[in-house]
């Protein structure tokens, strides 16, 4: 049992390190490099990920699981529109919290372009969009692809966002959502705004934490 727990802990450590290294370097990562970086040993790393493709597949599966948390069962107390807003925010923040995932997604496409588990996201949003439009809350013509693009546009801007950056991301999502609302409906915007210096840091800083 202890050996099994050690193996699980080692794999989790390797995967966490992989995401962080990918975020820092914005480039691919080999199993050997990951072993050296974590100090767990090359043999240990290869037992968990016999090939580079195995590493990418496991990282991708972990990333999809992170993004899909809460998607399968939206809060029944919320309207379809409120569910869409909440899921867009949680998905964008989850994506920003794992900046290495974007690299993994690109590598996964090279490994197997037909592997598309993210279909579950599309199906959830399609159902919610249809209901929100029937409720008169969402304008006609909005698609799940529009939602997904907005999430990735906001969530992919910066990695490991600070509290201030998270507030600004939420503000931008509200503005984006207002563009999807039925005619005549708008939201009250949060007071947070971004000055030129903050905007520069938001776009150019590394994925390490930055306190304003």
C-alpha atoms as a PDB file:
ATOM      1  CA  UNK A   1       0.000   0.000   0.000  1.00  0.00           C
ATOM      2  CA  UNK A   2       2.813   2.408   0.913  1.00  0.00           C
ATOM      3  CA  UNK A   3       4.524   1.715  -2.389  1.00  0.00           C
ATOM      4  CA  UNK A   4       1.296   2.460  -4.236  1.00  0.00           C
ATOM      5  CA  UNK A   5       0.876   5.765  -2.383  1.00  0.00           C
ATOM      6  CA  UNK A   6       4.460   6.694  -3.239  1.00  0.00           C
ATOM      7  CA  UNK A   7       3.835   5.953  -6.909  1.00  0.00           C
ATOM      8  CA  UNK A   8       0.696   8.109  -6.959  1.00  0.00           C
ATOM      9  CA  UNK A   9       2.505  10.942  -5.176  1.00  0.00           C
ATOM     10  CA  UNK A  10       5.466  10.721  -7.555  1.00  0.00           C
ATOM     11  CA  UNK A  11       3.230  10.868 -10.614  1.00  0.00           C
ATOM     12  CA  UNK A  12       1.366  13.867  -9.212  1.00  0.00           C
ATOM     13  CA  UNK A  13       4.686  15.569  -8.512  1.00  0.00           C
ATOM     14  CA  UNK A  14       5.924  14.884 -12.036  1.00  0.00           C
ATOM     15  CA  UNK A  15       2.732  16.202 -13.616  1.00  0.00           C
ATOM     16  CA  UNK A  16       2.663  19.339 -11.486  1.00  0.00           C
ATOM     17  CA  UNK A  17       6.291  20.043 -12.350  1.00  0.00           C
ATOM     18  CA  UNK A  18       5.598  19.415 -16.040  1.00  0.00           C
ATOM     19  CA  UNK A  19       2.839  22.016 -16.160  1.00  0.00           C
ATOM     20  CA  UNK A  20       5.012  24.575 -14.385  1.00  0.00           C
ATOM     21  CA  UNK A  21       8.029  23.966 -16.617  1.00  0.00           C
ATOM     22  CA  UNK A  22       5.923  24.172 -19.759  1.00  0.00           C
ATOM     23  CA  UNK A  23       4.438  27.460 -18.576  1.00  0.00           C
ATOM     24  CA  UNK A  24       7.847  28.951 -17.846  1.00  0.00           C
ATOM     25  CA  UNK A  25       9.569  27.951 -21.056  1.00  0.00           C
ATOM     26  CA  UNK A  26       6.620  27.917 -23.496  1.00  0.00           C
ATOM     27  CA  UNK A  27       8.182  24.955 -25.275  1.00  0.00           C
ATOM     28  CA  UNK A  28       8.002  21.180 -25.308  1.00  0.00           C
ATOM     29  CA  UNK A  29       9.382  18.977 -22.536  1.00  0.00           C
ATOM     30  CA  UNK A  30      10.882  15.490 -22.662  1.00  0.00           C
ATOM     31  CA  UNK A  31      10.391  12.788 -20.045  1.00  0.00           C
ATOM     32  CA  UNK A  32      14.141  12.797 -19.330  1.00  0.00           C
ATOM     33  CA  UNK A  33      14.165  16.570 -18.762  1.00  0.00           C
ATOM     34  CA  UNK A  34      11.221  16.237 -16.403  1.00  0.00           C
ATOM     35  CA  UNK A  35      12.996  13.549 -14.401  1.00  0.00           C
ATOM     36  CA  UNK A  36      16.091  15.704 -14.028  1.00  0.00           C
ATOM     37  CA  UNK A  37      14.042  18.753 -13.032  1.00  0.00           C
ATOM     38  CA  UNK A  38      12.155  16.915 -10.274  1.00  0.00           C
ATOM     39  CA  UNK A  39      15.089  14.833  -9.026  1.00  0.00           C
ATOM     40  CA  UNK A  40      12.924  11.697  -8.940  1.00  0.00           C
ATOM     41  CA  UNK A  41      15.128   9.737 -11.284  1.00  0.00           C
ATOM     42  CA  UNK A  42      14.869   8.875 -14.942  1.00  0.00           C
ATOM     43  CA  UNK A  43      13.628   5.341 -14.256  1.00  0.00           C
ATOM     44  CA  UNK A  44      10.773   6.631 -12.091  1.00  0.00           C
ATOM     45  CA  UNK A  45       9.694   9.129 -14.729  1.00  0.00           C
ATOM     46  CA  UNK A  46       9.740   6.554 -17.512  1.00  0.00           C
ATOM     47  CA  UNK A  47       7.719   4.074 -15.445  1.00  0.00           C
ATOM     48  CA  UNK A  48       4.922   6.635 -15.351  1.00  0.00           C
ATOM     49  CA  UNK A  49       5.435   7.964 -18.885  1.00  0.00           C
ATOM     50  CA  UNK A  50       7.143   5.336 -21.090  1.00  0.00           C
ATOM     51  CA  UNK A  51       7.096   7.721 -24.064  1.00  0.00           C
ATOM     52  CA  UNK A  52       6.754  11.430 -24.690  1.00  0.00           C
ATOM     53  CA  UNK A  53       3.292  10.812 -26.138  1.00  0.00           C
ATOM     54  CA  UNK A  54       2.252   9.119 -22.890  1.00  0.00           C
ATOM     55  CA  UNK A  55       3.344  12.202 -20.966  1.00  0.00           C
ATOM     56  CA  UNK A  56       1.351  14.514 -23.221  1.00  0.00           C
ATOM     57  CA  UNK A  57      -1.751  12.311 -23.095  1.00  0.00           C
ATOM     58  CA  UNK A  58      -1.719  12.196 -19.285  1.00  0.00           C
ATOM     59  CA  UNK A  59      -1.145  15.932 -18.987  1.00  0.00           C
ATOM     60  CA  UNK A  60      -3.936  16.595 -21.452  1.00  0.00           C
ATOM     61  CA  UNK A  61      -6.360  14.300 -19.616  1.00  0.00           C
ATOM     62  CA  UNK A  62      -5.533  16.034 -16.340  1.00  0.00           C
ATOM     63  CA  UNK A  63      -6.052  19.462 -17.901  1.00  0.00           C
ATOM     64  CA  UNK A  64      -9.405  18.515 -19.408  1.00  0.00           C
ATOM     65  CA  UNK A  65     -10.530  17.113 -16.049  1.00  0.00           C
ATOM     66  CA  UNK A  66      -9.584  20.403 -14.384  1.00  0.00           C
ATOM     67  CA  UNK A  67     -11.499  22.481 -16.912  1.00  0.00           C
ATOM     68  CA  UNK A  68     -14.537  20.208 -16.841  1.00  0.00           C
ATOM     69  CA  UNK A  69     -15.009  20.393 -13.070  1.00  0.00           C
ATOM     70  CA  UNK A  70     -18.559  21.586 -12.524  1.00  0.00           C
ATOM     71  CA  UNK A  71     -19.549  21.476 -16.189  1.00  0.00           C
ATOM     72  CA  UNK A  72     -21.450  18.218 -15.981  1.00  0.00           C
ATOM     73  CA  UNK A  73     -23.938  19.477 -13.409  1.00  0.00           C
ATOM     74  CA  UNK A  74     -24.559  23.247 -13.396  1.00  0.00           C
ATOM     75  CA  UNK A  75     -26.225  24.615 -10.267  1.00  0.00           C
ATOM     76  CA  UNK A  76     -29.981  23.903 -10.683  1.00  0.00           C
ATOM     77  CA  UNK A  77     -30.765  27.077  -8.728  1.00  0.00           C
ATOM     78  CA  UNK A  78     -29.273  29.230 -11.492  1.00  0.00           C
ATOM     79  CA  UNK A  79     -30.927  30.243 -14.738  1.00  0.00           C
ATOM     80  CA  UNK A  80     -29.322  29.110 -17.981  1.00  0.00           C
ATOM     81  CA  UNK A  81     -27.861  32.607 -18.457  1.00  0.00           C
ATOM     82  CA  UNK A  82     -26.436  32.659 -14.935  1.00  0.00           C
ATOM     83  CA  UNK A  83     -24.971  29.189 -15.454  1.00  0.00           C
ATOM     84  CA  UNK A  84     -23.257  30.295 -18.655  1.00  0.00           C
ATOM     85  CA  UNK A  85     -21.764  33.326 -16.893  1.00  0.00           C
ATOM     86  CA  UNK A  86     -20.544  31.256 -13.959  1.00  0.00           C
ATOM     87  CA  UNK A  87     -19.077  28.497 -16.132  1.00  0.00           C
ATOM     88  CA  UNK A  88     -17.294  30.978 -18.393  1.00  0.00           C
ATOM     89  CA  UNK A  89     -15.686  32.596 -15.367  1.00  0.00           C
ATOM     90  CA  UNK A  90     -14.641  29.341 -13.694  1.00  0.00           C
ATOM     91  CA  UNK A  91     -13.291  27.931 -16.979  1.00  0.00           C
ATOM     92  CA  UNK A  92     -11.299  31.075 -17.799  1.00  0.00           C
ATOM     93  CA  UNK A  93      -9.771  31.189 -14.307  1.00  0.00           C
ATOM     94  CA  UNK A  94      -8.963  27.457 -14.426  1.00  0.00           C
ATOM     95  CA  UNK A  95      -7.241  27.940 -17.781  1.00  0.00           C
ATOM     96  CA  UNK A  96      -5.260  30.911 -16.470  1.00  0.00           C
ATOM     97  CA  UNK A  97      -4.316  28.899 -13.398  1.00  0.00           C
ATOM     98  CA  UNK A  98      -2.663  26.251 -15.578  1.00  0.00           C
ATOM     99  CA  UNK A  99      -0.776  28.186 -18.276  1.00  0.00           C
ATOM    100  CA  UNK A 100       1.177  25.110 -19.360  1.00  0.00           C
ATOM    101  CA  UNK A 101      -2.062  23.544 -20.548  1.00  0.00           C
ATOM    102  CA  UNK A 102      -2.026  25.603 -23.740  1.00  0.00           C
ATOM    103  CA  UNK A 103       1.321  24.026 -24.687  1.00  0.00           C
ATOM    104  CA  UNK A 104      -0.038  20.564 -23.843  1.00  0.00           C
ATOM    105  CA  UNK A 105      -3.085  21.188 -26.039  1.00  0.00           C
ATOM    106  CA  UNK A 106      -0.911  22.094 -29.003  1.00  0.00           C
ATOM    107  CA  UNK A 107       1.284  19.031 -28.477  1.00  0.00           C
ATOM    108  CA  UNK A 108      -1.777  16.794 -28.101  1.00  0.00           C
ATOM    109  CA  UNK A 109      -3.052  17.970 -31.461  1.00  0.00           C
ATOM    110  CA  UNK A 110       0.259  16.855 -32.978  1.00  0.00           C
ATOM    111  CA  UNK A 111       0.064  13.485 -31.200  1.00  0.00           C
ATOM    112  CA  UNK A 112      -3.564  12.770 -32.105  1.00  0.00           C
ATOM    113  CA  UNK A 113      -5.593  15.507 -33.823  1.00  0.00           C
ATOM    114  CA  UNK A 114      -8.721  13.324 -33.687  1.00  0.00           C
ATOM    115  CA  UNK A 115      -8.719  13.121 -29.886  1.00  0.00           C
ATOM    116  CA  UNK A 116     -11.460  15.538 -28.840  1.00  0.00           C
ATOM    117  CA  UNK A 117     -12.703  14.964 -25.284  1.00  0.00           C
ATOM    118  CA  UNK A 118     -13.603  18.656 -25.071  1.00  0.00           C
ATOM    119  CA  UNK A 119     -16.823  17.795 -26.920  1.00  0.00           C
ATOM    120  CA  UNK A 120     -18.368  17.540 -23.449  1.00  0.00           C
ATOM    121  CA  UNK A 121     -17.844  21.292 -22.993  1.00  0.00           C
ATOM    122  CA  UNK A 122     -19.584  22.062 -26.254  1.00  0.00           C
ATOM    123  CA  UNK A 123     -22.583  19.865 -25.417  1.00  0.00           C
ATOM    124  CA  UNK A 124     -23.090  21.527 -22.020  1.00  0.00           C
ATOM    125  CA  UNK A 125     -22.927  25.020 -23.457  1.00  0.00           C
ATOM    126  CA  UNK A 126     -25.193  24.141 -26.381  1.00  0.00           C
ATOM    127  CA  UNK A 127     -27.924  23.068 -23.967  1.00  0.00           C
ATOM    128  CA  UNK A 128     -27.509  26.176 -21.834  1.00  0.00           C
ATOM    129  CA  UNK A 129     -27.442  28.498 -24.850  1.00  0.00           C
ATOM    130  CA  UNK A 130     -30.647  26.994 -26.230  1.00  0.00           C
ATOM    131  CA  UNK A 131     -32.380  27.480 -22.885  1.00  0.00           C
ATOM    132  CA  UNK A 132     -31.021  31.019 -22.370  1.00  0.00           C
ATOM    133  CA  UNK A 133     -32.303  32.003 -25.807  1.00  0.00           C
ATOM    134  CA  UNK A 134     -35.685  30.447 -25.055  1.00  0.00           C
ATOM    135  CA  UNK A 135     -35.768  32.418 -21.789  1.00  0.00           C
ATOM    136  CA  UNK A 136     -35.151  35.641 -23.720  1.00  0.00           C
ATOM    137  CA  UNK A 137     -31.830  36.286 -21.984  1.00  0.00           C
ATOM    138  CA  UNK A 138     -29.440  35.598 -24.871  1.00  0.00           C
ATOM    139  CA  UNK A 139     -29.483  37.018 -28.370  1.00  0.00           C
ATOM    140  CA  UNK A 140     -30.077  34.626 -31.285  1.00  0.00           C
ATOM    141  CA  UNK A 141     -27.086  33.345 -33.231  1.00  0.00           C
ATOM    142  CA  UNK A 142     -24.671  32.832 -30.312  1.00  0.00           C
ATOM    143  CA  UNK A 143     -22.934  29.443 -30.492  1.00  0.00           C
ATOM    144  CA  UNK A 144     -20.883  27.261 -28.157  1.00  0.00           C
ATOM    145  CA  UNK A 145     -17.833  28.155 -30.237  1.00  0.00           C
ATOM    146  CA  UNK A 146     -18.402  31.843 -29.400  1.00  0.00           C
ATOM    147  CA  UNK A 147     -18.414  30.944 -25.700  1.00  0.00           C
ATOM    148  CA  UNK A 148     -15.287  28.804 -25.975  1.00  0.00           C
ATOM    149  CA  UNK A 149     -13.381  31.469 -27.899  1.00  0.00           C
ATOM    150  CA  UNK A 150     -14.220  34.073 -25.257  1.00  0.00           C
ATOM    151  CA  UNK A 151     -13.065  31.769 -22.463  1.00  0.00           C
ATOM    152  CA  UNK A 152      -9.736  31.035 -24.128  1.00  0.00           C
ATOM    153  CA  UNK A 153      -9.213  34.655 -25.141  1.00  0.00           C
ATOM    154  CA  UNK A 154      -9.495  35.805 -21.521  1.00  0.00           C
ATOM    155  CA  UNK A 155      -8.031  32.752 -19.796  1.00  0.00           C
ATOM    156  CA  UNK A 156      -5.021  32.599 -22.094  1.00  0.00           C
ATOM    157  CA  UNK A 157      -3.799  36.150 -21.517  1.00  0.00           C
ATOM    158  CA  UNK A 158      -1.797  35.564 -18.344  1.00  0.00           C
ATOM    159  CA  UNK A 159      -0.783  32.620 -16.193  1.00  0.00           C
ATOM    160  CA  UNK A 160      -1.322  32.400 -12.439  1.00  0.00           C
ATOM    161  CA  UNK A 161      -3.259  35.690 -12.266  1.00  0.00           C
ATOM    162  CA  UNK A 162      -3.057  37.764  -9.111  1.00  0.00           C
ATOM    163  CA  UNK A 163      -6.235  38.726  -7.259  1.00  0.00           C
ATOM    164  CA  UNK A 164      -6.219  42.087  -9.034  1.00  0.00           C
ATOM    165  CA  UNK A 165      -5.829  40.413 -12.411  1.00  0.00           C
ATOM    166  CA  UNK A 166      -8.619  37.966 -11.645  1.00  0.00           C
ATOM    167  CA  UNK A 167     -10.962  40.859 -10.891  1.00  0.00           C
ATOM    168  CA  UNK A 168     -10.086  42.451 -14.213  1.00  0.00           C
ATOM    169  CA  UNK A 169     -10.634  39.161 -16.027  1.00  0.00           C
ATOM    170  CA  UNK A 170     -14.104  38.891 -14.471  1.00  0.00           C
ATOM    171  CA  UNK A 171     -14.863  42.458 -15.538  1.00  0.00           C
ATOM    172  CA  UNK A 172     -13.892  41.690 -19.131  1.00  0.00           C
ATOM    173  CA  UNK A 173     -16.043  38.563 -19.128  1.00  0.00           C
ATOM    174  CA  UNK A 174     -19.026  40.637 -18.003  1.00  0.00           C
ATOM    175  CA  UNK A 175     -18.426  43.034 -20.896  1.00  0.00           C
ATOM    176  CA  UNK A 176     -18.132  40.053 -23.261  1.00  0.00           C
ATOM    177  CA  UNK A 177     -21.329  38.514 -21.918  1.00  0.00           C
ATOM    178  CA  UNK A 178     -23.220  41.774 -22.385  1.00  0.00           C
ATOM    179  CA  UNK A 179     -22.450  41.463 -26.089  1.00  0.00           C
ATOM    180  CA  UNK A 180     -24.294  38.141 -26.023  1.00  0.00           C
ATOM    181  CA  UNK A 181     -27.342  39.399 -24.124  1.00  0.00           C
ATOM    182  CA  UNK A 182     -30.762  39.873 -25.600  1.00  0.00           C
ATOM    183  CA  UNK A 183     -31.382  43.424 -26.829  1.00  0.00           C
ATOM    184  CA  UNK A 184     -31.729  46.052 -24.124  1.00  0.00           C
ATOM    185  CA  UNK A 185     -30.119  44.014 -21.334  1.00  0.00           C
ATOM    186  CA  UNK A 186     -26.838  45.148 -19.777  1.00  0.00           C
ATOM    187  CA  UNK A 187     -24.953  44.445 -16.556  1.00  0.00           C
ATOM    188  CA  UNK A 188     -23.554  46.800 -13.976  1.00  0.00           C
ATOM    189  CA  UNK A 189     -19.787  46.722 -14.375  1.00  0.00           C
ATOM    190  CA  UNK A 190     -17.401  46.279 -11.429  1.00  0.00           C
ATOM    191  CA  UNK A 191     -15.456  49.403 -10.523  1.00  0.00           C
ATOM    192  CA  UNK A 192     -12.077  47.787 -11.263  1.00  0.00           C
ATOM    193  CA  UNK A 193     -10.281  49.291 -14.227  1.00  0.00           C
ATOM    194  CA  UNK A 194      -6.775  48.888 -15.644  1.00  0.00           C
ATOM    195  CA  UNK A 195      -4.300  51.709 -16.191  1.00  0.00           C
ATOM    196  CA  UNK A 196      -1.608  51.699 -18.878  1.00  0.00           C
ATOM    197  CA  UNK A 197       1.111  50.355 -16.563  1.00  0.00           C
ATOM    198  CA  UNK A 198      -1.075  47.507 -15.336  1.00  0.00           C
ATOM    199  CA  UNK A 199      -2.113  46.654 -18.878  1.00  0.00           C
ATOM    200  CA  UNK A 200       1.546  46.458 -19.911  1.00  0.00           C
ATOM    201  CA  UNK A 201       2.324  44.067 -17.053  1.00  0.00           C
ATOM    202  CA  UNK A 202      -0.773  41.999 -17.732  1.00  0.00           C
ATOM    203  CA  UNK A 203       0.308  41.314 -21.304  1.00  0.00           C
ATOM    204  CA  UNK A 204       4.084  41.101 -20.933  1.00  0.00           C
ATOM    205  CA  UNK A 205       4.987  39.649 -17.561  1.00  0.00           C
ATOM    206  CA  UNK A 206       5.955  36.011 -17.084  1.00  0.00           C
ATOM    207  CA  UNK A 207       3.649  33.400 -15.604  1.00  0.00           C
ATOM    208  CA  UNK A 208       5.192  33.832 -12.161  1.00  0.00           C
ATOM    209  CA  UNK A 209       3.116  35.571  -9.529  1.00  0.00           C
ATOM    210  CA  UNK A 210       3.341  39.361  -9.552  1.00  0.00           C
ATOM    211  CA  UNK A 211       1.960  41.548  -6.754  1.00  0.00           C
ATOM    212  CA  UNK A 212       0.888  45.054  -7.654  1.00  0.00           C
END
